[in-house]
Amino acid sequence: MAVRIEGIREAQQGVLRTAEAATPRGAMPAAVKEGTLAAHRYAVSRTHVDTGALKASQVVDIRGNRGIVYLNPSARRSDGRRPAEYGVYEHQRGGSHAFYARTVQEDGRSILQTAGRAFRRYLP
């Protein structure tokens, strides 16, 4: 009895593409980047505006499989105040002032979906 196996080449290529997705240039960094940028956009859009410095001081740092959004500690308003200092108190006021908490609560699912789409682009 002869057995014939078809699709081995395609299966091997699929395995290689899946393995490539886990590399530093693959799916995970792409997902982290897209998710982090989506979180940044939402957080900035939910930040209350007085002078605009608090919104402008929010930055993104993406390094491989890690992405963070934070208040730039070196940013200063024209009067010398630092958004990284008073932004903490603004956020702790809660409710509509809590721009990072709101990002997770209100848009977390969408951010995960954005990251998931970026990840899936790399899969076979």
PDB file of N, CA and C in Angstrom:
ATOM      1  N   MET A   1       0.846  -1.169   0.000  1.00  0.00           N
ATOM      2  CA  MET A   1       0.000   0.000   0.000  1.00  0.00           C
ATOM      3  C   MET A   1       0.893   1.234   0.000  1.00  0.00           C
ATOM      4  N   ALA A   2       0.688   2.103  -0.946  1.00  0.00           N
ATOM      5  CA  ALA A   2       1.469   3.323  -1.063  1.00  0.00           C
ATOM      6  C   ALA A   2       0.688   4.470  -0.432  1.00  0.00           C
ATOM      7  N   VAL A   3       1.419   5.282   0.294  1.00  0.00           N
ATOM      8  CA  VAL A   3       0.817   6.444   0.924  1.00  0.00           C
ATOM      9  C   VAL A   3       1.419   7.679   0.275  1.00  0.00           C
ATOM     10  N   ARG A   4       0.574   8.574  -0.079  1.00  0.00           N
ATOM     11  CA  ARG A   4       1.055   9.804  -0.705  1.00  0.00           C
ATOM     12  C   ARG A   4       0.685  10.979   0.205  1.00  0.00           C
ATOM     13  N   ILE A   5       1.661  11.791   0.514  1.00  0.00           N
ATOM     14  CA  ILE A   5       1.433  12.952   1.379  1.00  0.00           C
ATOM     15  C   ILE A   5       1.526  14.192   0.503  1.00  0.00           C
ATOM     16  N   GLU A   6       0.503  15.005   0.561  1.00  0.00           N
ATOM     17  CA  GLU A   6       0.485  16.244  -0.210  1.00  0.00           C
ATOM     18  C   GLU A   6       0.512  17.439   0.727  1.00  0.00           C
ATOM     19  N   GLY A   7       1.050  18.524   0.240  1.00  0.00           N
ATOM     20  CA  GLY A   7       1.045  19.771   0.995  1.00  0.00           C
ATOM     21  C   GLY A   7       2.179  19.926   1.987  1.00  0.00           C
ATOM     22  N   ILE A   8       3.197  19.057   1.903  1.00  0.00           N
ATOM     23  CA  ILE A   8       4.312  19.168   2.855  1.00  0.00           C
ATOM     24  C   ILE A   8       5.026  20.506   2.690  1.00  0.00           C
ATOM     25  N   ARG A   9       5.287  20.889   1.463  1.00  0.00           N
ATOM     26  CA  ARG A   9       5.985  22.167   1.233  1.00  0.00           C
ATOM     27  C   ARG A   9       5.189  23.332   1.802  1.00  0.00           C
ATOM     28  N   GLU A  10       3.899  23.342   1.575  1.00  0.00           N
ATOM     29  CA  GLU A  10       3.051  24.416   2.085  1.00  0.00           C
ATOM     30  C   GLU A  10       3.031  24.415   3.605  1.00  0.00           C
ATOM     31  N   ALA A  11       2.976  23.222   4.189  1.00  0.00           N
ATOM     32  CA  ALA A  11       2.982  23.123   5.646  1.00  0.00           C
ATOM     33  C   ALA A  11       4.294  23.639   6.223  1.00  0.00           C
ATOM     34  N   GLN A  12       5.403  23.272   5.584  1.00  0.00           N
ATOM     35  CA  GLN A  12       6.708  23.756   6.052  1.00  0.00           C
ATOM     36  C   GLN A  12       6.806  25.272   5.930  1.00  0.00           C
ATOM     37  N   GLN A  13       6.303  25.815   4.841  1.00  0.00           N
ATOM     38  CA  GLN A  13       6.323  27.274   4.675  1.00  0.00           C
ATOM     39  C   GLN A  13       5.464  27.954   5.727  1.00  0.00           C
ATOM     40  N   GLY A  14       4.342  27.354   6.052  1.00  0.00           N
ATOM     41  CA  GLY A  14       3.484  27.894   7.100  1.00  0.00           C
ATOM     42  C   GLY A  14       4.169  27.887   8.454  1.00  0.00           C
ATOM     43  N   VAL A  15       4.882  26.810   8.749  1.00  0.00           N
ATOM     44  CA  VAL A  15       5.632  26.726  10.001  1.00  0.00           C
ATOM     45  C   VAL A  15       6.709  27.804  10.040  1.00  0.00           C
ATOM     46  N   LEU A  16       7.411  27.988   8.935  1.00  0.00           N
ATOM     47  CA  LEU A  16       8.455  29.029   8.890  1.00  0.00           C
ATOM     48  C   LEU A  16       7.868  30.424   9.060  1.00  0.00           C
ATOM     49  N   ARG A  17       6.723  30.687   8.431  1.00  0.00           N
ATOM     50  CA  ARG A  17       6.090  32.002   8.586  1.00  0.00           C
ATOM     51  C   ARG A  17       5.629  32.215  10.028  1.00  0.00           C
ATOM     52  N   THR A  18       5.126  31.180  10.643  1.00  0.00           N
ATOM     53  CA  THR A  18       4.702  31.279  12.037  1.00  0.00           C
ATOM     54  C   THR A  18       5.899  31.538  12.941  1.00  0.00           C
ATOM     55  N   ALA A  19       7.007  30.853  12.690  1.00  0.00           N
ATOM     56  CA  ALA A  19       8.224  31.076  13.481  1.00  0.00           C
ATOM     57  C   ALA A  19       8.745  32.493  13.264  1.00  0.00           C
ATOM     58  N   GLU A  20       8.683  32.985  12.046  1.00  0.00           N
ATOM     59  CA  GLU A  20       9.136  34.352  11.741  1.00  0.00           C
ATOM     60  C   GLU A  20       8.290  35.383  12.483  1.00  0.00           C
ATOM     61  N   ALA A  21       7.025  35.074  12.696  1.00  0.00           N
ATOM     62  CA  ALA A  21       6.130  35.999  13.395  1.00  0.00           C
ATOM     63  C   ALA A  21       6.602  36.286  14.808  1.00  0.00           C
ATOM     64  N   ALA A  22       7.329  35.365  15.395  1.00  0.00           N
ATOM     65  CA  ALA A  22       7.794  35.537  16.780  1.00  0.00           C
ATOM     66  C   ALA A  22       9.143  36.245  16.873  1.00  0.00           C
ATOM     67  N   THR A  23       9.739  36.600  15.759  1.00  0.00           N
ATOM     68  CA  THR A  23      11.042  37.262  15.780  1.00  0.00           C
ATOM     69  C   THR A  23      10.887  38.744  16.095  1.00  0.00           C
ATOM     70  N   PRO A  24      12.009  39.429  16.386  1.00  0.00           N
ATOM     71  CA  PRO A  24      11.937  40.862  16.699  1.00  0.00           C
ATOM     72  C   PRO A  24      11.353  41.717  15.577  1.00  0.00           C
ATOM     73  N   ARG A  25      11.308  41.208  14.374  1.00  0.00           N
ATOM     74  CA  ARG A  25      10.716  41.960  13.266  1.00  0.00           C
ATOM     75  C   ARG A  25       9.374  41.363  12.860  1.00  0.00           C
ATOM     76  N   GLY A  26       8.831  40.497  13.675  1.00  0.00           N
ATOM     77  CA  GLY A  26       7.634  39.770  13.313  1.00  0.00           C
ATOM     78  C   GLY A  26       6.349  40.330  13.877  1.00  0.00           C
ATOM     79  N   ALA A  27       5.435  39.419  14.142  1.00  0.00           N
ATOM     80  CA  ALA A  27       4.067  39.773  14.515  1.00  0.00           C
ATOM     81  C   ALA A  27       3.958  40.456  15.868  1.00  0.00           C
ATOM     82  N   MET A  28       4.671  39.966  16.854  1.00  0.00           N
ATOM     83  CA  MET A  28       4.511  40.525  18.200  1.00  0.00           C
ATOM     84  C   MET A  28       4.914  41.996  18.257  1.00  0.00           C
ATOM     85  N   PRO A  29       6.091  42.371  17.753  1.00  0.00           N
ATOM     86  CA  PRO A  29       6.420  43.807  17.767  1.00  0.00           C
ATOM     87  C   PRO A  29       5.419  44.650  16.976  1.00  0.00           C
ATOM     88  N   ALA A  30       4.913  44.120  15.875  1.00  0.00           N
ATOM     89  CA  ALA A  30       3.918  44.865  15.088  1.00  0.00           C
ATOM     90  C   ALA A  30       2.642  45.055  15.904  1.00  0.00           C
ATOM     91  N   ALA A  31       2.231  44.004  16.602  1.00  0.00           N
ATOM     92  CA  ALA A  31       1.024  44.095  17.434  1.00  0.00           C
ATOM     93  C   ALA A  31       1.223  45.078  18.574  1.00  0.00           C
ATOM     94  N   VAL A  32       2.388  45.029  19.203  1.00  0.00           N
ATOM     95  CA  VAL A  32       2.692  45.955  20.305  1.00  0.00           C
ATOM     96  C   VAL A  32       2.681  47.390  19.799  1.00  0.00           C
ATOM     97  N   LYS A  33       3.296  47.612  18.653  1.00  0.00           N
ATOM     98  CA  LYS A  33       3.351  48.969  18.092  1.00  0.00           C
ATOM     99  C   LYS A  33       1.950  49.495  17.797  1.00  0.00           C
ATOM    100  N   GLU A  34       1.149  48.716  17.084  1.00  0.00           N
ATOM    101  CA  GLU A  34      -0.198  49.175  16.726  1.00  0.00           C
ATOM    102  C   GLU A  34      -1.065  49.392  17.965  1.00  0.00           C
ATOM    103  N   GLY A  35      -0.984  48.475  18.928  1.00  0.00           N
ATOM    104  CA  GLY A  35      -1.766  48.615  20.152  1.00  0.00           C
ATOM    105  C   GLY A  35      -1.343  49.818  20.972  1.00  0.00           C
ATOM    106  N   THR A  36      -0.032  50.030  21.069  1.00  0.00           N
ATOM    107  CA  THR A  36       0.477  51.170  21.836  1.00  0.00           C
ATOM    108  C   THR A  36       0.082  52.494  21.189  1.00  0.00           C
ATOM    109  N   LEU A  37       0.199  52.570  19.879  1.00  0.00           N
ATOM    110  CA  LEU A  37      -0.188  53.803  19.190  1.00  0.00           C
ATOM    111  C   LEU A  37      -1.689  54.065  19.327  1.00  0.00           C
ATOM    112  N   ALA A  38      -2.493  53.010  19.281  1.00  0.00           N
ATOM    113  CA  ALA A  38      -3.949  53.178  19.464  1.00  0.00           C
ATOM    114  C   ALA A  38      -4.253  53.657  20.880  1.00  0.00           C
ATOM    115  N   ALA A  39      -3.564  53.106  21.863  1.00  0.00           N
ATOM    116  CA  ALA A  39      -3.764  53.536  23.257  1.00  0.00           C
ATOM    117  C   ALA A  39      -3.362  54.996  23.425  1.00  0.00           C
ATOM    118  N   HIS A  40      -2.268  55.397  22.820  1.00  0.00           N
ATOM    119  CA  HIS A  40      -1.800  56.793  22.894  1.00  0.00           C
ATOM    120  C   HIS A  40      -2.847  57.736  22.302  1.00  0.00           C
ATOM    121  N   ARG A  41      -3.335  57.397  21.114  1.00  0.00           N
ATOM    122  CA  ARG A  41      -4.340  58.255  20.463  1.00  0.00           C
ATOM    123  C   ARG A  41      -5.568  58.430  21.350  1.00  0.00           C
ATOM    124  N   TYR A  42      -6.039  57.343  21.927  1.00  0.00           N
ATOM    125  CA  TYR A  42      -7.244  57.425  22.747  1.00  0.00           C
ATOM    126  C   TYR A  42      -6.979  58.220  24.020  1.00  0.00           C
ATOM    127  N   ALA A  43      -5.868  57.947  24.686  1.00  0.00           N
ATOM    128  CA  ALA A  43      -5.554  58.663  25.936  1.00  0.00           C
ATOM    129  C   ALA A  43      -5.443  60.165  25.685  1.00  0.00           C
ATOM    130  N   VAL A  44      -4.767  60.540  24.620  1.00  0.00           N
ATOM    131  CA  VAL A  44      -4.621  61.969  24.303  1.00  0.00           C
ATOM    132  C   VAL A  44      -5.989  62.581  24.018  1.00  0.00           C
ATOM    133  N   SER A  45      -6.830  61.845  23.321  1.00  0.00           N
ATOM    134  CA  SER A  45      -8.150  62.393  22.990  1.00  0.00           C
ATOM    135  C   SER A  45      -9.045  62.553  24.218  1.00  0.00           C
ATOM    136  N   ARG A  46      -8.742  61.840  25.297  1.00  0.00           N
ATOM    137  CA  ARG A  46      -9.548  61.919  26.512  1.00  0.00           C
ATOM    138  C   ARG A  46      -8.929  62.812  27.588  1.00  0.00           C
ATOM    139  N   THR A  47      -7.785  63.387  27.317  1.00  0.00           N
ATOM    140  CA  THR A  47      -7.115  64.245  28.288  1.00  0.00           C
ATOM    141  C   THR A  47      -7.729  65.632  28.256  1.00  0.00           C
ATOM    142  N   HIS A  48      -8.101  66.136  29.412  1.00  0.00           N
ATOM    143  CA  HIS A  48      -8.671  67.478  29.494  1.00  0.00           C
ATOM    144  C   HIS A  48      -7.628  68.521  29.116  1.00  0.00           C
ATOM    145  N   VAL A  49      -8.107  69.607  28.534  1.00  0.00           N
ATOM    146  CA  VAL A  49      -7.199  70.641  28.048  1.00  0.00           C
ATOM    147  C   VAL A  49      -7.342  71.909  28.866  1.00  0.00           C
ATOM    148  N   ASP A  50      -6.214  72.375  29.366  1.00  0.00           N
ATOM    149  CA  ASP A  50      -6.130  73.700  29.980  1.00  0.00           C
ATOM    150  C   ASP A  50      -5.211  74.509  29.065  1.00  0.00           C
ATOM    151  N   THR A  51      -3.961  74.152  29.063  1.00  0.00           N
ATOM    152  CA  THR A  51      -3.007  74.816  28.167  1.00  0.00           C
ATOM    153  C   THR A  51      -2.636  73.938  26.980  1.00  0.00           C
ATOM    154  N   GLY A  52      -2.975  72.662  27.033  1.00  0.00           N
ATOM    155  CA  GLY A  52      -2.604  71.717  25.980  1.00  0.00           C
ATOM    156  C   GLY A  52      -1.302  70.989  26.269  1.00  0.00           C
ATOM    157  N   ALA A  53      -0.592  71.437  27.298  1.00  0.00           N
ATOM    158  CA  ALA A  53       0.702  70.835  27.610  1.00  0.00           C
ATOM    159  C   ALA A  53       0.563  69.394  28.081  1.00  0.00           C
ATOM    160  N   LEU A  54      -0.488  69.092  28.813  1.00  0.00           N
ATOM    161  CA  LEU A  54      -0.668  67.725  29.309  1.00  0.00           C
ATOM    162  C   LEU A  54      -0.891  66.762  28.147  1.00  0.00           C
ATOM    163  N   LYS A  55      -1.708  67.163  27.192  1.00  0.00           N
ATOM    164  CA  LYS A  55      -1.905  66.333  26.000  1.00  0.00           C
ATOM    165  C   LYS A  55      -0.598  66.162  25.246  1.00  0.00           C
ATOM    166  N   ALA A  56       0.096  67.262  25.037  1.00  0.00           N
ATOM    167  CA  ALA A  56       1.325  67.239  24.241  1.00  0.00           C
ATOM    168  C   ALA A  56       2.456  66.483  24.916  1.00  0.00           C
ATOM    169  N   SER A  57       2.410  66.350  26.214  1.00  0.00           N
ATOM    170  CA  SER A  57       3.507  65.697  26.923  1.00  0.00           C
ATOM    171  C   SER A  57       3.411  64.168  26.901  1.00  0.00           C
ATOM    172  N   GLN A  58       2.314  63.635  26.406  1.00  0.00           N
ATOM    173  CA  GLN A  58       2.160  62.179  26.365  1.00  0.00           C
ATOM    174  C   GLN A  58       2.962  61.611  25.201  1.00  0.00           C
ATOM    175  N   VAL A  59       3.835  60.691  25.520  1.00  0.00           N
ATOM    176  CA  VAL A  59       4.720  60.104  24.517  1.00  0.00           C
ATOM    177  C   VAL A  59       4.595  58.587  24.514  1.00  0.00           C
ATOM    178  N   VAL A  60       5.101  58.010  23.449  1.00  0.00           N
ATOM    179  CA  VAL A  60       5.093  56.570  23.244  1.00  0.00           C
ATOM    180  C   VAL A  60       6.532  56.081  23.207  1.00  0.00           C
ATOM    181  N   ASP A  61       6.774  54.961  23.854  1.00  0.00           N
ATOM    182  CA  ASP A  61       8.080  54.311  23.801  1.00  0.00           C
ATOM    183  C   ASP A  61       7.836  52.845  23.453  1.00  0.00           C
ATOM    184  N   ILE A  62       8.286  52.447  22.266  1.00  0.00           N
ATOM    185  CA  ILE A  62       8.093  51.077  21.800  1.00  0.00           C
ATOM    186  C   ILE A  62       9.464  50.457  21.605  1.00  0.00           C
ATOM    187  N   ARG A  63       9.685  49.368  22.309  1.00  0.00           N
ATOM    188  CA  ARG A  63      10.956  48.636  22.201  1.00  0.00           C
ATOM    189  C   ARG A  63      10.650  47.154  22.099  1.00  0.00           C
ATOM    190  N   GLY A  64      10.700  46.656  20.884  1.00  0.00           N
ATOM    191  CA  GLY A  64      10.452  45.235  20.661  1.00  0.00           C
ATOM    192  C   GLY A  64       9.059  44.828  21.080  1.00  0.00           C
ATOM    193  N   ASN A  65       8.980  43.962  22.070  1.00  0.00           N
ATOM    194  CA  ASN A  65       7.690  43.442  22.520  1.00  0.00           C
ATOM    195  C   ASN A  65       7.128  44.208  23.698  1.00  0.00           C
ATOM    196  N   ARG A  66       7.528  45.455  23.852  1.00  0.00           N
ATOM    197  CA  ARG A  66       7.037  46.273  24.962  1.00  0.00           C
ATOM    198  C   ARG A  66       6.742  47.685  24.468  1.00  0.00           C
ATOM    199  N   GLY A  67       5.579  48.174  24.799  1.00  0.00           N
ATOM    200  CA  GLY A  67       5.207  49.531  24.440  1.00  0.00           C
ATOM    201  C   GLY A  67       4.555  50.213  25.624  1.00  0.00           C
ATOM    202  N   ILE A  68       4.918  51.464  25.865  1.00  0.00           N
ATOM    203  CA  ILE A  68       4.311  52.206  26.966  1.00  0.00           C
ATOM    204  C   ILE A  68       3.931  53.610  26.492  1.00  0.00           C
ATOM    205  N   VAL A  69       2.918  54.140  27.147  1.00  0.00           N
ATOM    206  CA  VAL A  69       2.494  55.525  26.949  1.00  0.00           C
ATOM    207  C   VAL A  69       2.672  56.194  28.304  1.00  0.00           C
ATOM    208  N   TYR A  70       3.352  57.328  28.328  1.00  0.00           N
ATOM    209  CA  TYR A  70       3.612  57.983  29.606  1.00  0.00           C
ATOM    210  C   TYR A  70       3.756  59.485  29.412  1.00  0.00           C
ATOM    211  N   LEU A  71       3.777  60.188  30.531  1.00  0.00           N
ATOM    212  CA  LEU A  71       3.960  61.639  30.513  1.00  0.00           C
ATOM    213  C   LEU A  71       5.458  61.924  30.522  1.00  0.00           C
ATOM    214  N   ASN A  72       5.911  62.640  29.535  1.00  0.00           N
ATOM    215  CA  ASN A  72       7.332  62.957  29.401  1.00  0.00           C
ATOM    216  C   ASN A  72       7.793  63.776  30.614  1.00  0.00           C
ATOM    217  N   PRO A  73       8.715  63.227  31.410  1.00  0.00           N
ATOM    218  CA  PRO A  73       9.132  63.933  32.619  1.00  0.00           C
ATOM    219  C   PRO A  73       9.905  65.227  32.347  1.00  0.00           C
ATOM    220  N   SER A  74      10.429  65.394  31.144  1.00  0.00           N
ATOM    221  CA  SER A  74      11.183  66.620  30.858  1.00  0.00           C
ATOM    222  C   SER A  74      10.327  67.717  30.217  1.00  0.00           C
ATOM    223  N   ALA A  75       9.080  67.413  29.887  1.00  0.00           N
ATOM    224  CA  ALA A  75       8.203  68.421  29.274  1.00  0.00           C
ATOM    225  C   ALA A  75       7.842  69.494  30.296  1.00  0.00           C
ATOM    226  N   ARG A  76       7.812  70.737  29.824  1.00  0.00           N
ATOM    227  CA  ARG A  76       7.458  71.880  30.679  1.00  0.00           C
ATOM    228  C   ARG A  76       6.502  72.800  29.940  1.00  0.00           C
ATOM    229  N   ARG A  77       5.615  73.405  30.723  1.00  0.00           N
ATOM    230  CA  ARG A  77       4.755  74.452  30.186  1.00  0.00           C
ATOM    231  C   ARG A  77       5.551  75.746  30.120  1.00  0.00           C
ATOM    232  N   SER A  78       4.956  76.748  29.519  1.00  0.00           N
ATOM    233  CA  SER A  78       5.632  78.048  29.420  1.00  0.00           C
ATOM    234  C   SER A  78       5.855  78.684  30.789  1.00  0.00           C
ATOM    235  N   ASP A  79       5.027  78.296  31.778  1.00  0.00           N
ATOM    236  CA  ASP A  79       5.205  78.840  33.124  1.00  0.00           C
ATOM    237  C   ASP A  79       6.152  77.981  33.973  1.00  0.00           C
ATOM    238  N   GLY A  80       6.751  76.951  33.358  1.00  0.00           N
ATOM    239  CA  GLY A  80       7.720  76.113  34.057  1.00  0.00           C
ATOM    240  C   GLY A  80       7.145  74.876  34.712  1.00  0.00           C
ATOM    241  N   ARG A  81       5.816  74.795  34.828  1.00  0.00           N
ATOM    242  CA  ARG A  81       5.215  73.608  35.454  1.00  0.00           C
ATOM    243  C   ARG A  81       5.405  72.388  34.564  1.00  0.00           C
ATOM    244  N   ARG A  82       5.494  71.234  35.206  1.00  0.00           N
ATOM    245  CA  ARG A  82       5.720  69.982  34.485  1.00  0.00           C
ATOM    246  C   ARG A  82       4.422  69.165  34.417  1.00  0.00           C
ATOM    247  N   PRO A  83       3.960  68.877  33.196  1.00  0.00           N
ATOM    248  CA  PRO A  83       2.760  68.048  33.059  1.00  0.00           C
ATOM    249  C   PRO A  83       2.909  66.671  33.709  1.00  0.00           C
ATOM    250  N   ALA A  84       4.105  66.120  33.751  1.00  0.00           N
ATOM    251  CA  ALA A  84       4.310  64.810  34.371  1.00  0.00           C
ATOM    252  C   ALA A  84       4.028  64.851  35.866  1.00  0.00           C
ATOM    253  N   GLU A  85       4.139  66.035  36.473  1.00  0.00           N
ATOM    254  CA  GLU A  85       3.848  66.169  37.904  1.00  0.00           C
ATOM    255  C   GLU A  85       2.364  66.408  38.139  1.00  0.00           C
ATOM    256  N   TYR A  86       1.799  67.433  37.489  1.00  0.00           N
ATOM    257  CA  TYR A  86       0.390  67.729  37.771  1.00  0.00           C
ATOM    258  C   TYR A  86      -0.545  66.772  37.043  1.00  0.00           C
ATOM    259  N   GLY A  87      -0.061  66.094  36.000  1.00  0.00           N
ATOM    260  CA  GLY A  87      -0.875  65.116  35.285  1.00  0.00           C
ATOM    261  C   GLY A  87      -1.266  63.941  36.159  1.00  0.00           C
ATOM    262  N   VAL A  88      -0.392  63.575  37.068  1.00  0.00           N
ATOM    263  CA  VAL A  88      -0.697  62.485  38.001  1.00  0.00           C
ATOM    264  C   VAL A  88      -1.901  62.852  38.859  1.00  0.00           C
ATOM    265  N   TYR A  89      -1.913  64.082  39.357  1.00  0.00           N
ATOM    266  CA  TYR A  89      -3.034  64.532  40.196  1.00  0.00           C
ATOM    267  C   TYR A  89      -4.314  64.673  39.378  1.00  0.00           C
ATOM    268  N   GLU A  90      -4.179  65.133  38.153  1.00  0.00           N
ATOM    269  CA  GLU A  90      -5.349  65.235  37.273  1.00  0.00           C
ATOM    270  C   GLU A  90      -5.958  63.850  37.071  1.00  0.00           C
ATOM    271  N   HIS A  91      -5.119  62.884  36.775  1.00  0.00           N
ATOM    272  CA  HIS A  91      -5.600  61.519  36.556  1.00  0.00           C
ATOM    273  C   HIS A  91      -6.248  60.954  37.814  1.00  0.00           C
ATOM    274  N   GLN A  92      -5.665  61.222  38.968  1.00  0.00           N
ATOM    275  CA  GLN A  92      -6.183  60.690  40.228  1.00  0.00           C
ATOM    276  C   GLN A  92      -7.521  61.297  40.628  1.00  0.00           C
ATOM    277  N   ARG A  93      -7.909  62.381  40.002  1.00  0.00           N
ATOM    278  CA  ARG A  93      -9.231  62.958  40.270  1.00  0.00           C
ATOM    279  C   ARG A  93     -10.331  61.977  39.868  1.00  0.00           C
ATOM    280  N   GLY A  94      -9.998  61.070  38.979  1.00  0.00           N
ATOM    281  CA  GLY A  94     -10.939  60.033  38.573  1.00  0.00           C
ATOM    282  C   GLY A  94     -11.971  60.526  37.587  1.00  0.00           C
ATOM    283  N   GLY A  95     -12.914  59.668  37.303  1.00  0.00           N
ATOM    284  CA  GLY A  95     -13.981  60.012  36.367  1.00  0.00           C
ATOM    285  C   GLY A  95     -13.437  60.416  35.013  1.00  0.00           C
ATOM    286  N   SER A  96     -13.972  61.507  34.493  1.00  0.00           N
ATOM    287  CA  SER A  96     -13.564  61.949  33.156  1.00  0.00           C
ATOM    288  C   SER A  96     -12.119  62.449  33.118  1.00  0.00           C
ATOM    289  N   HIS A  97     -11.526  62.689  34.277  1.00  0.00           N
ATOM    290  CA  HIS A  97     -10.144  63.173  34.349  1.00  0.00           C
ATOM    291  C   HIS A  97      -9.121  62.044  34.215  1.00  0.00           C
ATOM    292  N   ALA A  98      -9.528  60.822  34.447  1.00  0.00           N
ATOM    293  CA  ALA A  98      -8.614  59.672  34.488  1.00  0.00           C
ATOM    294  C   ALA A  98      -8.355  59.153  33.072  1.00  0.00           C
ATOM    295  N   PHE A  99      -7.533  59.868  32.319  1.00  0.00           N
ATOM    296  CA  PHE A  99      -7.355  59.580  30.899  1.00  0.00           C
ATOM    297  C   PHE A  99      -6.771  58.197  30.623  1.00  0.00           C
ATOM    298  N   TYR A 100      -5.841  57.706  31.435  1.00  0.00           N
ATOM    299  CA  TYR A 100      -5.286  56.372  31.191  1.00  0.00           C
ATOM    300  C   TYR A 100      -6.256  55.279  31.628  1.00  0.00           C
ATOM    301  N   ALA A 101      -6.911  55.450  32.751  1.00  0.00           N
ATOM    302  CA  ALA A 101      -7.904  54.463  33.187  1.00  0.00           C
ATOM    303  C   ALA A 101      -9.051  54.387  32.180  1.00  0.00           C
ATOM    304  N   ARG A 102      -9.463  55.532  31.678  1.00  0.00           N
ATOM    305  CA  ARG A 102     -10.533  55.557  30.685  1.00  0.00           C
ATOM    306  C   ARG A 102     -10.106  54.845  29.410  1.00  0.00           C
ATOM    307  N   THR A 103      -8.847  54.987  29.050  1.00  0.00           N
ATOM    308  CA  THR A 103      -8.349  54.315  27.847  1.00  0.00           C
ATOM    309  C   THR A 103      -8.541  52.812  27.967  1.00  0.00           C
ATOM    310  N   VAL A 104      -8.159  52.268  29.093  1.00  0.00           N
ATOM    311  CA  VAL A 104      -8.294  50.825  29.309  1.00  0.00           C
ATOM    312  C   VAL A 104      -9.764  50.432  29.380  1.00  0.00           C
ATOM    313  N   GLN A 105     -10.546  51.162  30.165  1.00  0.00           N
ATOM    314  CA  GLN A 105     -11.959  50.808  30.375  1.00  0.00           C
ATOM    315  C   GLN A 105     -12.801  50.996  29.119  1.00  0.00           C
ATOM    316  N   GLU A 106     -12.610  52.108  28.445  1.00  0.00           N
ATOM    317  CA  GLU A 106     -13.487  52.456  27.339  1.00  0.00           C
ATOM    318  C   GLU A 106     -13.017  51.919  25.990  1.00  0.00           C
ATOM    319  N   ASP A 107     -11.720  51.794  25.798  1.00  0.00           N
ATOM    320  CA  ASP A 107     -11.212  51.427  24.477  1.00  0.00           C
ATOM    321  C   ASP A 107     -10.301  50.207  24.502  1.00  0.00           C
ATOM    322  N   GLY A 108     -10.148  49.575  25.658  1.00  0.00           N
ATOM    323  CA  GLY A 108      -9.249  48.430  25.768  1.00  0.00           C
ATOM    324  C   GLY A 108      -9.548  47.326  24.769  1.00  0.00           C
ATOM    325  N   ARG A 109     -10.811  47.006  24.603  1.00  0.00           N
ATOM    326  CA  ARG A 109     -11.191  45.935  23.664  1.00  0.00           C
ATOM    327  C   ARG A 109     -10.788  46.309  22.233  1.00  0.00           C
ATOM    328  N   SER A 110     -11.045  47.529  21.842  1.00  0.00           N
ATOM    329  CA  SER A 110     -10.688  47.979  20.498  1.00  0.00           C
ATOM    330  C   SER A 110      -9.170  47.984  20.299  1.00  0.00           C
ATOM    331  N   ILE A 111      -8.444  48.389  21.321  1.00  0.00           N
ATOM    332  CA  ILE A 111      -6.978  48.388  21.247  1.00  0.00           C
ATOM    333  C   ILE A 111      -6.466  46.963  21.054  1.00  0.00           C
ATOM    334  N   LEU A 112      -7.032  46.021  21.799  1.00  0.00           N
ATOM    335  CA  LEU A 112      -6.640  44.617  21.638  1.00  0.00           C
ATOM    336  C   LEU A 112      -6.980  44.099  20.246  1.00  0.00           C
ATOM    337  N   GLN A 113      -8.101  44.502  19.714  1.00  0.00           N
ATOM    338  CA  GLN A 113      -8.474  44.079  18.367  1.00  0.00           C
ATOM    339  C   GLN A 113      -7.509  44.655  17.335  1.00  0.00           C
ATOM    340  N   THR A 114      -7.102  45.905  17.526  1.00  0.00           N
ATOM    341  CA  THR A 114      -6.125  46.529  16.634  1.00  0.00           C
ATOM    342  C   THR A 114      -4.809  45.757  16.670  1.00  0.00           C
ATOM    343  N   ALA A 115      -4.354  45.432  17.869  1.00  0.00           N
ATOM    344  CA  ALA A 115      -3.109  44.663  18.011  1.00  0.00           C
ATOM    345  C   ALA A 115      -3.271  43.276  17.396  1.00  0.00           C
ATOM    346  N   GLY A 116      -4.412  42.668  17.598  1.00  0.00           N
ATOM    347  CA  GLY A 116      -4.663  41.341  17.034  1.00  0.00           C
ATOM    348  C   GLY A 116      -4.633  41.345  15.519  1.00  0.00           C
ATOM    349  N   ARG A 117      -5.206  42.365  14.900  1.00  0.00           N
ATOM    350  CA  ARG A 117      -5.175  42.463  13.430  1.00  0.00           C
ATOM    351  C   ARG A 117      -3.740  42.596  12.942  1.00  0.00           C
ATOM    352  N   ALA A 118      -2.947  43.405  13.631  1.00  0.00           N
ATOM    353  CA  ALA A 118      -1.539  43.561  13.244  1.00  0.00           C
ATOM    354  C   ALA A 118      -0.802  42.232  13.377  1.00  0.00           C
ATOM    355  N   PHE A 119      -1.085  41.478  14.435  1.00  0.00           N
ATOM    356  CA  PHE A 119      -0.446  40.188  14.653  1.00  0.00           C
ATOM    357  C   PHE A 119      -0.826  39.204  13.551  1.00  0.00           C
ATOM    358  N   ARG A 120      -2.104  39.156  13.229  1.00  0.00           N
ATOM    359  CA  ARG A 120      -2.584  38.182  12.235  1.00  0.00           C
ATOM    360  C   ARG A 120      -2.041  38.434  10.828  1.00  0.00           C
ATOM    361  N   ARG A 121      -1.649  39.669  10.539  1.00  0.00           N
ATOM    362  CA  ARG A 121      -1.077  39.955   9.209  1.00  0.00           C
ATOM    363  C   ARG A 121       0.188  39.135   8.963  1.00  0.00           C
ATOM    364  N   TYR A 122       0.851  38.691  10.015  1.00  0.00           N
ATOM    365  CA  TYR A 122       2.104  37.948   9.886  1.00  0.00           C
ATOM    366  C   TYR A 122       1.905  36.439   9.855  1.00  0.00           C
ATOM    367  N   LEU A 123       0.715  35.999  10.159  1.00  0.00           N
ATOM    368  CA  LEU A 123       0.495  34.559  10.241  1.00  0.00           C
ATOM    369  C   LEU A 123       0.092  33.985   8.888  1.00  0.00           C
ATOM    370  N   PRO A 124       0.399  32.704   8.696  1.00  0.00           N
ATOM    371  CA  PRO A 124       0.048  32.073   7.408  1.00  0.00           C
ATOM    372  C   PRO A 124      -1.451  31.915   7.240  1.00  0.00           C
TER     373      PRO A 124
END
